[in-house]
All heavy atoms as atom14 arrays in JSON, in Angstrom:
{
  "sequence": "GIPHLELLKFDRKTASTPPDQFFTDMIVRKLKACEMVVGPKVAFGKN",
  "atom14_mask": [
    [1, 1, 1, 1, 0, 0, 0, 0, 0, 0, 0, 0, 0, 0],
    [1, 1, 1, 1, 1, 1, 1, 1, 0, 0, 0, 0, 0, 0],
    [1, 1, 1, 1, 1, 1, 1, 0, 0, 0, 0, 0, 0, 0],
    [1, 1, 1, 1, 1, 1, 1, 1, 1, 1, 0, 0, 0, 0],
    [1, 1, 1, 1, 1, 1, 1, 1, 0, 0, 0, 0, 0, 0],
    [1, 1, 1, 1, 1, 1, 1, 1, 1, 0, 0, 0, 0, 0],
    [1, 1, 1, 1, 1, 1, 1, 1, 0, 0, 0, 0, 0, 0],
    [1, 1, 1, 1, 1, 1, 1, 1, 0, 0, 0, 0, 0, 0],
    [1, 1, 1, 1, 1, 1, 1, 1, 1, 0, 0, 0, 0, 0],
    [1, 1, 1, 1, 1, 1, 1, 1, 1, 1, 1, 0, 0, 0],
    [1, 1, 1, 1, 1, 1, 1, 1, 0, 0, 0, 0, 0, 0],
    [1, 1, 1, 1, 1, 1, 1, 1, 1, 1, 1, 0, 0, 0],
    [1, 1, 1, 1, 1, 1, 1, 1, 1, 0, 0, 0, 0, 0],
    [1, 1, 1, 1, 1, 1, 1, 0, 0, 0, 0, 0, 0, 0],
    [1, 1, 1, 1, 1, 0, 0, 0, 0, 0, 0, 0, 0, 0],
    [1, 1, 1, 1, 1, 1, 0, 0, 0, 0, 0, 0, 0, 0],
    [1, 1, 1, 1, 1, 1, 1, 0, 0, 0, 0, 0, 0, 0],
    [1, 1, 1, 1, 1, 1, 1, 0, 0, 0, 0, 0, 0, 0],
    [1, 1, 1, 1, 1, 1, 1, 0, 0, 0, 0, 0, 0, 0],
    [1, 1, 1, 1, 1, 1, 1, 1, 0, 0, 0, 0, 0, 0],
    [1, 1, 1, 1, 1, 1, 1, 1, 1, 0, 0, 0, 0, 0],
    [1, 1, 1, 1, 1, 1, 1, 1, 1, 1, 1, 0, 0, 0],
    [1, 1, 1, 1, 1, 1, 1, 1, 1, 1, 1, 0, 0, 0],
    [1, 1, 1, 1, 1, 1, 1, 0, 0, 0, 0, 0, 0, 0],
    [1, 1, 1, 1, 1, 1, 1, 1, 0, 0, 0, 0, 0, 0],
    [1, 1, 1, 1, 1, 1, 1, 1, 0, 0, 0, 0, 0, 0],
    [1, 1, 1, 1, 1, 1, 1, 1, 0, 0, 0, 0, 0, 0],
    [1, 1, 1, 1, 1, 1, 1, 0, 0, 0, 0, 0, 0, 0],
    [1, 1, 1, 1, 1, 1, 1, 1, 1, 1, 1, 0, 0, 0],
    [1, 1, 1, 1, 1, 1, 1, 1, 1, 0, 0, 0, 0, 0],
    [1, 1, 1, 1, 1, 1, 1, 1, 0, 0, 0, 0, 0, 0],
    [1, 1, 1, 1, 1, 1, 1, 1, 1, 0, 0, 0, 0, 0],
    [1, 1, 1, 1, 1, 0, 0, 0, 0, 0, 0, 0, 0, 0],
    [1, 1, 1, 1, 1, 1, 0, 0, 0, 0, 0, 0, 0, 0],
    [1, 1, 1, 1, 1, 1, 1, 1, 1, 0, 0, 0, 0, 0],
    [1, 1, 1, 1, 1, 1, 1, 1, 0, 0, 0, 0, 0, 0],
    [1, 1, 1, 1, 1, 1, 1, 0, 0, 0, 0, 0, 0, 0],
    [1, 1, 1, 1, 1, 1, 1, 0, 0, 0, 0, 0, 0, 0],
    [1, 1, 1, 1, 0, 0, 0, 0, 0, 0, 0, 0, 0, 0],
    [1, 1, 1, 1, 1, 1, 1, 0, 0, 0, 0, 0, 0, 0],
    [1, 1, 1, 1, 1, 1, 1, 1, 1, 0, 0, 0, 0, 0],
    [1, 1, 1, 1, 1, 1, 1, 0, 0, 0, 0, 0, 0, 0],
    [1, 1, 1, 1, 1, 0, 0, 0, 0, 0, 0, 0, 0, 0],
    [1, 1, 1, 1, 1, 1, 1, 1, 1, 1, 1, 0, 0, 0],
    [1, 1, 1, 1, 0, 0, 0, 0, 0, 0, 0, 0, 0, 0],
    [1, 1, 1, 1, 1, 1, 1, 1, 1, 0, 0, 0, 0, 0],
    [1, 1, 1, 1, 1, 1, 1, 1, 0, 0, 0, 0, 0, 0]
  ],
  "atom14_positions": [
    [[-12.06, -15.02, -5.9], [-12.87, -13.82, -6.18], [-12.19, -12.46, -6.21], [-12.8, -11.37, -5.97], [0.0, 0.0, 0.0], [0.0, 0.0, 0.0], [0.0, 0.0, 0.0], [0.0, 0.0, 0.0], [0.0, 0.0, 0.0], [0.0, 0.0, 0.0], [0.0, 0.0, 0.0], [0.0, 0.0, 0.0], [0.0, 0.0, 0.0], [0.0, 0.0, 0.0]],
    [[-10.78, -12.58, -6.44], [-10.07, -11.21, -6.43], [-9.4, -11.17, -7.89], [-8.21, -11.69, -8.1], [-8.94, -11.12, -5.42], [-9.6, -11.53, -4.03], [-8.33, -9.84, -5.36], [-10.47, -10.51, -3.5], [0.0, 0.0, 0.0], [0.0, 0.0, 0.0], [0.0, 0.0, 0.0], [0.0, 0.0, 0.0], [0.0, 0.0, 0.0], [0.0, 0.0, 0.0]],
    [[-10.17, -10.6, -8.95], [-9.63, -10.66, -10.2], [-8.54, -9.52, -10.53], [-7.9, -9.56, -11.48], [-10.77, -10.44, -11.11], [-11.72, -9.68, -10.14], [-11.48, -10.18, -8.77], [0.0, 0.0, 0.0], [0.0, 0.0, 0.0], [0.0, 0.0, 0.0], [0.0, 0.0, 0.0], [0.0, 0.0, 0.0], [0.0, 0.0, 0.0], [0.0, 0.0, 0.0]],
    [[-8.41, -8.58, -9.56], [-7.57, -7.42, -9.81], [-6.38, -7.53, -8.75], [-6.54, -7.4, -7.52], [-8.24, -6.12, -9.46], [-9.49, -5.99, -10.22], [-9.59, -5.61, -11.59], [-10.86, -6.05, -9.85], [-10.77, -5.64, -12.03], [-11.63, -5.9, -11.0], [0.0, 0.0, 0.0], [0.0, 0.0, 0.0], [0.0, 0.0, 0.0], [0.0, 0.0, 0.0]],
    [[-5.21, -7.69, -9.4], [-3.94, -7.78, -8.72], [-3.11, -6.59, -9.09], [-2.71, -6.43, -10.33], [-3.18, -9.02, -9.01], [-1.69, -9.19, -8.4], [-1.72, -9.03, -6.89], [-1.04, -10.48, -8.9], [0.0, 0.0, 0.0], [0.0, 0.0, 0.0], [0.0, 0.0, 0.0], [0.0, 0.0, 0.0], [0.0, 0.0, 0.0], [0.0, 0.0, 0.0]],
    [[-2.8, -5.79, -8.13], [-1.83, -4.61, -8.34], [-0.54, -4.98, -7.75], [-0.4, -5.28, -6.56], [-2.36, -3.34, -7.71], [-3.55, -2.7, -8.28], [-3.23, -2.0, -9.61], [-2.09, -1.68, -9.83], [-4.21, -1.81, -10.51], [0.0, 0.0, 0.0], [0.0, 0.0, 0.0], [0.0, 0.0, 0.0], [0.0, 0.0, 0.0], [0.0, 0.0, 0.0]],
    [[0.53, -5.03, -8.63], [1.84, -5.47, -8.2], [2.72, -4.32, -7.69], [2.83, -3.27, -8.43], [2.59, -6.22, -9.29], [3.64, -7.2, -8.92], [3.05, -8.3, -8.1], [4.32, -7.82, -10.12], [0.0, 0.0, 0.0], [0.0, 0.0, 0.0], [0.0, 0.0, 0.0], [0.0, 0.0, 0.0], [0.0, 0.0, 0.0], [0.0, 0.0, 0.0]],
    [[3.29, -4.53, -6.49], [4.05, -3.39, -5.98], [5.5, -3.88, -5.87], [5.85, -4.94, -5.12], [3.66, -2.99, -4.55], [4.23, -1.92, -3.9], [4.06, -0.68, -4.7], [3.68, -1.78, -2.47], [0.0, 0.0, 0.0], [0.0, 0.0, 0.0], [0.0, 0.0, 0.0], [0.0, 0.0, 0.0], [0.0, 0.0, 0.0], [0.0, 0.0, 0.0]],
    [[6.46, -3.25, -6.67], [7.85, -3.71, -6.6], [8.49, -3.22, -5.22], [8.49, -2.05, -5.02], [8.58, -3.18, -7.79], [9.99, -3.64, -7.95], [10.67, -3.25, -9.24], [12.11, -3.74, -9.37], [12.2, -5.22, -9.29], [0.0, 0.0, 0.0], [0.0, 0.0, 0.0], [0.0, 0.0, 0.0], [0.0, 0.0, 0.0], [0.0, 0.0, 0.0]],
    [[9.14, -4.19, -4.61], [9.8, -3.69, -3.36], [11.2, -3.33, -3.67], [12.16, -4.11, -3.73], [9.8, -4.93, -2.28], [10.21, -4.37, -0.97], [9.33, -3.86, -0.05], [11.52, -4.63, -0.53], [9.66, -3.43, 1.21], [11.9, -4.16, 0.67], [11.01, -3.66, 1.57], [0.0, 0.0, 0.0], [0.0, 0.0, 0.0], [0.0, 0.0, 0.0]],
    [[11.42, -2.0, -3.89], [12.81, -1.49, -4.15], [13.06, -0.31, -3.11], [12.32, -0.14, -2.11], [12.77, -0.84, -5.55], [11.57, 0.01, -5.85], [11.05, 0.67, -4.97], [11.32, 0.33, -7.08], [0.0, 0.0, 0.0], [0.0, 0.0, 0.0], [0.0, 0.0, 0.0], [0.0, 0.0, 0.0], [0.0, 0.0, 0.0], [0.0, 0.0, 0.0]],
    [[14.13, 0.31, -3.39], [14.6, 1.39, -2.45], [13.53, 2.56, -2.28], [13.24, 2.95, -1.15], [15.87, 2.08, -3.01], [17.12, 1.11, -2.76], [18.33, 1.85, -3.17], [19.58, 1.13, -3.01], [20.84, 1.42, -3.24], [20.96, 2.73, -3.67], [21.88, 0.72, -3.03], [0.0, 0.0, 0.0], [0.0, 0.0, 0.0], [0.0, 0.0, 0.0]],
    [[12.84, 2.89, -3.33], [11.84, 3.89, -3.26], [10.67, 3.48, -2.36], [10.21, 4.27, -1.53], [11.33, 4.23, -4.66], [10.27, 5.26, -4.73], [9.79, 5.69, -6.16], [8.7, 6.71, -6.15], [8.28, 6.98, -7.53], [0.0, 0.0, 0.0], [0.0, 0.0, 0.0], [0.0, 0.0, 0.0], [0.0, 0.0, 0.0], [0.0, 0.0, 0.0]],
    [[10.18, 2.27, -2.67], [9.12, 1.62, -1.85], [9.48, 1.62, -0.4], [8.75, 1.91, 0.55], [8.65, 0.29, -2.32], [8.27, 0.45, -3.81], [7.4, -0.21, -1.62], [0.0, 0.0, 0.0], [0.0, 0.0, 0.0], [0.0, 0.0, 0.0], [0.0, 0.0, 0.0], [0.0, 0.0, 0.0], [0.0, 0.0, 0.0], [0.0, 0.0, 0.0]],
    [[10.71, 1.08, -0.14], [11.21, 0.8, 1.22], [11.37, 2.15, 1.97], [11.34, 2.18, 3.26], [12.52, 0.01, 1.16], [0.0, 0.0, 0.0], [0.0, 0.0, 0.0], [0.0, 0.0, 0.0], [0.0, 0.0, 0.0], [0.0, 0.0, 0.0], [0.0, 0.0, 0.0], [0.0, 0.0, 0.0], [0.0, 0.0, 0.0], [0.0, 0.0, 0.0]],
    [[11.59, 3.23, 1.29], [11.94, 4.51, 2.0], [10.69, 5.49, 2.05], [10.85, 6.54, 2.53], [13.07, 5.25, 1.24], [12.68, 5.56, -0.1], [0.0, 0.0, 0.0], [0.0, 0.0, 0.0], [0.0, 0.0, 0.0], [0.0, 0.0, 0.0], [0.0, 0.0, 0.0], [0.0, 0.0, 0.0], [0.0, 0.0, 0.0], [0.0, 0.0, 0.0]],
    [[9.52, 4.97, 1.51], [8.37, 5.89, 1.5], [7.7, 5.84, 2.83], [7.4, 4.68, 3.4], [7.35, 5.4, 0.45], [8.0, 5.47, -0.82], [6.14, 6.27, 0.54], [0.0, 0.0, 0.0], [0.0, 0.0, 0.0], [0.0, 0.0, 0.0], [0.0, 0.0, 0.0], [0.0, 0.0, 0.0], [0.0, 0.0, 0.0], [0.0, 0.0, 0.0]],
    [[7.42, 7.01, 3.55], [6.76, 7.03, 4.8], [5.41, 6.35, 4.8], [4.65, 6.56, 3.75], [6.81, 8.5, 5.1], [7.82, 9.11, 4.39], [7.88, 8.38, 3.13], [0.0, 0.0, 0.0], [0.0, 0.0, 0.0], [0.0, 0.0, 0.0], [0.0, 0.0, 0.0], [0.0, 0.0, 0.0], [0.0, 0.0, 0.0], [0.0, 0.0, 0.0]],
    [[4.85, 5.82, 5.86], [3.54, 5.01, 5.78], [2.4, 6.03, 5.39], [1.55, 5.59, 4.5], [3.44, 4.57, 7.12], [4.78, 4.44, 7.72], [5.63, 5.54, 7.09], [0.0, 0.0, 0.0], [0.0, 0.0, 0.0], [0.0, 0.0, 0.0], [0.0, 0.0, 0.0], [0.0, 0.0, 0.0], [0.0, 0.0, 0.0], [0.0, 0.0, 0.0]],
    [[2.43, 7.24, 5.94], [1.32, 8.13, 5.54], [1.35, 8.57, 4.12], [0.33, 8.67, 3.5], [1.37, 9.37, 6.62], [2.69, 10.11, 6.45], [3.7, 9.51, 5.97], [2.66, 11.24, 6.96], [0.0, 0.0, 0.0], [0.0, 0.0, 0.0], [0.0, 0.0, 0.0], [0.0, 0.0, 0.0], [0.0, 0.0, 0.0], [0.0, 0.0, 0.0]],
    [[2.47, 8.71, 3.55], [2.6, 9.08, 2.12], [2.19, 7.91, 1.2], [1.5, 8.06, 0.24], [4.03, 9.49, 1.82], [4.21, 9.93, 0.42], [5.67, 10.28, 0.02], [6.4, 10.63, 0.98], [6.03, 10.3, -1.25], [0.0, 0.0, 0.0], [0.0, 0.0, 0.0], [0.0, 0.0, 0.0], [0.0, 0.0, 0.0], [0.0, 0.0, 0.0]],
    [[2.7, 6.67, 1.69], [2.26, 5.56, 0.95], [0.75, 5.34, 0.88], [0.06, 5.04, -0.14], [2.84, 4.32, 1.52], [2.55, 3.0, 0.82], [3.26, 2.54, -0.26], [1.49, 2.21, 1.43], [2.89, 1.35, -0.85], [1.15, 1.04, 0.79], [1.84, 0.59, -0.29], [0.0, 0.0, 0.0], [0.0, 0.0, 0.0], [0.0, 0.0, 0.0]],
    [[0.1, 5.56, 2.08], [-1.35, 5.44, 2.23], [-1.98, 6.42, 1.37], [-2.99, 6.13, 0.63], [-1.68, 5.57, 3.63], [-3.12, 5.36, 3.92], [-3.68, 4.02, 4.15], [-4.09, 6.42, 3.98], [-4.97, 3.87, 4.43], [-5.46, 6.14, 4.23], [-5.93, 4.82, 4.39], [0.0, 0.0, 0.0], [0.0, 0.0, 0.0], [0.0, 0.0, 0.0]],
    [[-1.61, 7.63, 1.32], [-2.25, 8.72, 0.63], [-2.04, 8.5, -0.86], [-2.99, 8.49, -1.7], [-1.75, 10.12, 0.92], [-2.0, 10.23, 2.37], [-2.45, 11.24, 0.24], [0.0, 0.0, 0.0], [0.0, 0.0, 0.0], [0.0, 0.0, 0.0], [0.0, 0.0, 0.0], [0.0, 0.0, 0.0], [0.0, 0.0, 0.0], [0.0, 0.0, 0.0]],
    [[-0.88, 8.33, -1.39], [-0.51, 8.27, -2.73], [-1.03, 6.96, -3.45], [-1.58, 7.02, -4.51], [0.96, 8.44, -3.03], [1.52, 9.75, -2.62], [0.61, 10.69, -2.35], [2.74, 9.94, -2.48], [0.0, 0.0, 0.0], [0.0, 0.0, 0.0], [0.0, 0.0, 0.0], [0.0, 0.0, 0.0], [0.0, 0.0, 0.0], [0.0, 0.0, 0.0]],
    [[-0.69, 5.77, -2.78], [-1.03, 4.52, -3.42], [-2.41, 4.05, -3.11], [-3.2, 3.73, -4.0], [-0.01, 3.52, -2.93], [-0.26, 2.0, -3.52], [-0.17, 1.94, -5.2], [1.64, 2.31, -5.51], [0.0, 0.0, 0.0], [0.0, 0.0, 0.0], [0.0, 0.0, 0.0], [0.0, 0.0, 0.0], [0.0, 0.0, 0.0], [0.0, 0.0, 0.0]],
    [[-2.81, 4.01, -1.83], [-4.06, 3.39, -1.52], [-5.27, 4.19, -1.77], [-6.29, 3.89, -2.33], [-4.03, 3.03, 0.09], [-2.93, 1.85, 0.2], [-5.37, 2.52, 0.49], [-2.64, 1.52, 1.65], [0.0, 0.0, 0.0], [0.0, 0.0, 0.0], [0.0, 0.0, 0.0], [0.0, 0.0, 0.0], [0.0, 0.0, 0.0], [0.0, 0.0, 0.0]],
    [[-5.11, 5.58, -1.51], [-6.25, 6.43, -1.58], [-6.31, 7.09, -3.02], [-7.33, 6.95, -3.68], [-6.2, 7.65, -0.54], [-7.33, 8.67, -0.78], [-6.23, 7.03, 0.83], [0.0, 0.0, 0.0], [0.0, 0.0, 0.0], [0.0, 0.0, 0.0], [0.0, 0.0, 0.0], [0.0, 0.0, 0.0], [0.0, 0.0, 0.0], [0.0, 0.0, 0.0]],
    [[-5.22, 7.77, -3.43], [-5.24, 8.37, -4.73], [-5.18, 7.44, -5.9], [-6.08, 7.54, -6.86], [-4.13, 9.4, -4.86], [-4.33, 10.54, -3.87], [-3.1, 11.44, -3.97], [-3.32, 12.58, -3.05], [-2.18, 13.45, -2.71], [-1.08, 13.36, -3.27], [-2.51, 14.46, -1.8], [0.0, 0.0, 0.0], [0.0, 0.0, 0.0], [0.0, 0.0, 0.0]],
    [[-4.25, 6.53, -5.91], [-4.04, 5.62, -7.15], [-5.22, 4.54, -7.15], [-5.8, 4.36, -8.21], [-2.74, 5.05, -7.18], [-2.5, 4.14, -8.4], [-1.1, 3.58, -8.41], [-0.98, 2.67, -9.73], [0.45, 2.14, -9.73], [0.0, 0.0, 0.0], [0.0, 0.0, 0.0], [0.0, 0.0, 0.0], [0.0, 0.0, 0.0], [0.0, 0.0, 0.0]],
    [[-5.35, 3.82, -6.1], [-6.25, 2.73, -6.08], [-7.68, 3.09, -5.55], [-8.62, 2.22, -5.66], [-5.73, 1.59, -5.28], [-4.45, 1.09, -5.8], [-3.76, -0.04, -4.99], [-4.53, 0.5, -7.16], [0.0, 0.0, 0.0], [0.0, 0.0, 0.0], [0.0, 0.0, 0.0], [0.0, 0.0, 0.0], [0.0, 0.0, 0.0], [0.0, 0.0, 0.0]],
    [[-7.91, 4.25, -5.12], [-9.24, 4.85, -4.71], [-9.9, 3.81, -3.74], [-11.01, 3.59, -3.96], [-10.07, 5.07, -5.93], [-9.33, 6.06, -6.82], [-10.28, 6.56, -7.89], [-9.67, 7.5, -8.94], [-8.99, 8.68, -8.18], [0.0, 0.0, 0.0], [0.0, 0.0, 0.0], [0.0, 0.0, 0.0], [0.0, 0.0, 0.0], [0.0, 0.0, 0.0]],
    [[-9.19, 3.37, -2.71], [-9.77, 2.47, -1.77], [-10.81, 3.26, -0.88], [-10.67, 4.3, -0.45], [-8.71, 1.94, -0.86], [0.0, 0.0, 0.0], [0.0, 0.0, 0.0], [0.0, 0.0, 0.0], [0.0, 0.0, 0.0], [0.0, 0.0, 0.0], [0.0, 0.0, 0.0], [0.0, 0.0, 0.0], [0.0, 0.0, 0.0], [0.0, 0.0, 0.0]],
    [[-11.95, 2.56, -0.78], [-13.05, 3.02, 0.21], [-13.01, 2.27, 1.49], [-13.5, 2.75, 2.53], [-14.33, 3.12, -0.43], [-15.03, 1.49, -1.01], [0.0, 0.0, 0.0], [0.0, 0.0, 0.0], [0.0, 0.0, 0.0], [0.0, 0.0, 0.0], [0.0, 0.0, 0.0], [0.0, 0.0, 0.0], [0.0, 0.0, 0.0], [0.0, 0.0, 0.0]],
    [[-12.49, 1.0, 1.36], [-12.23, 0.17, 2.55], [-11.05, -0.75, 2.28], [-10.6, -0.94, 1.25], [-13.53, -0.88, 2.6], [-14.8, -0.12, 2.84], [-15.95, -1.02, 3.22], [-15.66, -2.28, 3.56], [-17.14, -0.57, 3.15], [0.0, 0.0, 0.0], [0.0, 0.0, 0.0], [0.0, 0.0, 0.0], [0.0, 0.0, 0.0], [0.0, 0.0, 0.0]],
    [[-10.48, -1.13, 3.5], [-9.27, -2.03, 3.48], [-9.52, -3.18, 4.38], [-10.17, -3.11, 5.49], [-8.01, -1.33, 3.94], [-7.37, -0.42, 2.85], [-5.74, 0.09, 3.34], [-4.77, -1.34, 3.34], [0.0, 0.0, 0.0], [0.0, 0.0, 0.0], [0.0, 0.0, 0.0], [0.0, 0.0, 0.0], [0.0, 0.0, 0.0], [0.0, 0.0, 0.0]],
    [[-9.11, -4.41, 3.97], [-9.08, -5.62, 4.74], [-7.7, -6.06, 5.04], [-6.88, -6.3, 4.11], [-9.92, -6.64, 3.99], [-9.94, -7.93, 4.99], [-11.35, -6.25, 3.74], [0.0, 0.0, 0.0], [0.0, 0.0, 0.0], [0.0, 0.0, 0.0], [0.0, 0.0, 0.0], [0.0, 0.0, 0.0], [0.0, 0.0, 0.0], [0.0, 0.0, 0.0]],
    [[-7.26, -6.14, 6.24], [-5.87, -6.53, 6.6], [-5.86, -7.5, 7.84], [-6.85, -7.73, 8.46], [-5.17, -5.22, 7.02], [-4.97, -4.29, 5.85], [-5.7, -4.52, 8.27], [0.0, 0.0, 0.0], [0.0, 0.0, 0.0], [0.0, 0.0, 0.0], [0.0, 0.0, 0.0], [0.0, 0.0, 0.0], [0.0, 0.0, 0.0], [0.0, 0.0, 0.0]],
    [[-4.7, -8.21, 7.94], [-4.46, -8.97, 9.18], [-4.05, -8.16, 10.32], [-3.51, -6.92, 10.13], [0.0, 0.0, 0.0], [0.0, 0.0, 0.0], [0.0, 0.0, 0.0], [0.0, 0.0, 0.0], [0.0, 0.0, 0.0], [0.0, 0.0, 0.0], [0.0, 0.0, 0.0], [0.0, 0.0, 0.0], [0.0, 0.0, 0.0], [0.0, 0.0, 0.0]],
    [[-3.97, -8.74, 11.55], [-3.5, -7.9, 12.7], [-1.99, -7.53, 12.69], [-1.64, -6.59, 13.4], [-3.85, -8.92, 13.87], [-3.93, -10.2, 13.25], [-4.41, -10.09, 11.92], [0.0, 0.0, 0.0], [0.0, 0.0, 0.0], [0.0, 0.0, 0.0], [0.0, 0.0, 0.0], [0.0, 0.0, 0.0], [0.0, 0.0, 0.0], [0.0, 0.0, 0.0]],
    [[-1.25, -8.16, 11.85], [0.19, -7.92, 11.8], [0.6, -7.12, 10.59], [1.71, -7.14, 10.2], [1.0, -9.2, 11.75], [0.87, -10.01, 13.11], [1.68, -11.35, 13.06], [1.63, -12.18, 14.33], [2.4, -13.41, 14.3], [0.0, 0.0, 0.0], [0.0, 0.0, 0.0], [0.0, 0.0, 0.0], [0.0, 0.0, 0.0], [0.0, 0.0, 0.0]],
    [[-0.3, -6.35, 9.98], [-0.09, -5.58, 8.78], [1.04, -4.6, 9.04], [1.21, -4.03, 10.08], [-1.36, -4.86, 8.43], [-1.79, -3.79, 9.51], [-1.19, -4.06, 7.01], [0.0, 0.0, 0.0], [0.0, 0.0, 0.0], [0.0, 0.0, 0.0], [0.0, 0.0, 0.0], [0.0, 0.0, 0.0], [0.0, 0.0, 0.0], [0.0, 0.0, 0.0]],
    [[1.94, -4.41, 8.05], [3.01, -3.52, 8.15], [3.39, -2.97, 6.8], [3.53, -3.66, 5.82], [4.21, -4.16, 8.8], [0.0, 0.0, 0.0], [0.0, 0.0, 0.0], [0.0, 0.0, 0.0], [0.0, 0.0, 0.0], [0.0, 0.0, 0.0], [0.0, 0.0, 0.0], [0.0, 0.0, 0.0], [0.0, 0.0, 0.0], [0.0, 0.0, 0.0]],
    [[3.61, -1.58, 6.58], [3.9, -1.06, 5.35], [4.71, 0.22, 5.65], [4.74, 0.87, 6.68], [2.68, -0.76, 4.61], [1.66, 0.24, 5.24], [1.61, 1.54, 4.85], [0.82, -0.28, 6.17], [0.78, 2.41, 5.51], [-0.17, 0.51, 6.86], [-0.17, 1.92, 6.54], [0.0, 0.0, 0.0], [0.0, 0.0, 0.0], [0.0, 0.0, 0.0]],
    [[5.36, 0.78, 4.57], [6.09, 1.95, 4.66], [7.36, 1.85, 5.23], [7.89, 0.73, 5.57], [0.0, 0.0, 0.0], [0.0, 0.0, 0.0], [0.0, 0.0, 0.0], [0.0, 0.0, 0.0], [0.0, 0.0, 0.0], [0.0, 0.0, 0.0], [0.0, 0.0, 0.0], [0.0, 0.0, 0.0], [0.0, 0.0, 0.0], [0.0, 0.0, 0.0]],
    [[8.1, 2.88, 5.3], [9.48, 2.96, 5.78], [9.61, 2.25, 7.13], [8.91, 2.57, 8.07], [10.0, 4.35, 5.78], [11.48, 4.44, 6.19], [11.96, 5.9, 6.09], [13.47, 6.07, 6.48], [13.88, 7.42, 6.45], [0.0, 0.0, 0.0], [0.0, 0.0, 0.0], [0.0, 0.0, 0.0], [0.0, 0.0, 0.0], [0.0, 0.0, 0.0]],
    [[10.58, 1.41, 7.27], [10.89, 0.59, 8.46], [9.71, -0.17, 8.94], [9.56, -0.52, 10.14], [11.43, 1.52, 9.49], [12.72, 2.29, 9.2], [13.54, 1.67, 8.49], [12.85, 3.49, 9.65], [0.0, 0.0, 0.0], [0.0, 0.0, 0.0], [0.0, 0.0, 0.0], [0.0, 0.0, 0.0], [0.0, 0.0, 0.0], [0.0, 0.0, 0.0]]
  ]
}
């Protein structure tokens, strides 16, 4: 039931993006998320 797949290339730019910037730019502005569903071990952004 998930017909929309957005592919994210894991490169230097992605790996060096701070989590708050990634959340704002990718999740909120680009993909316009109103809700997120994650597992307890979710991890994203630099380090």
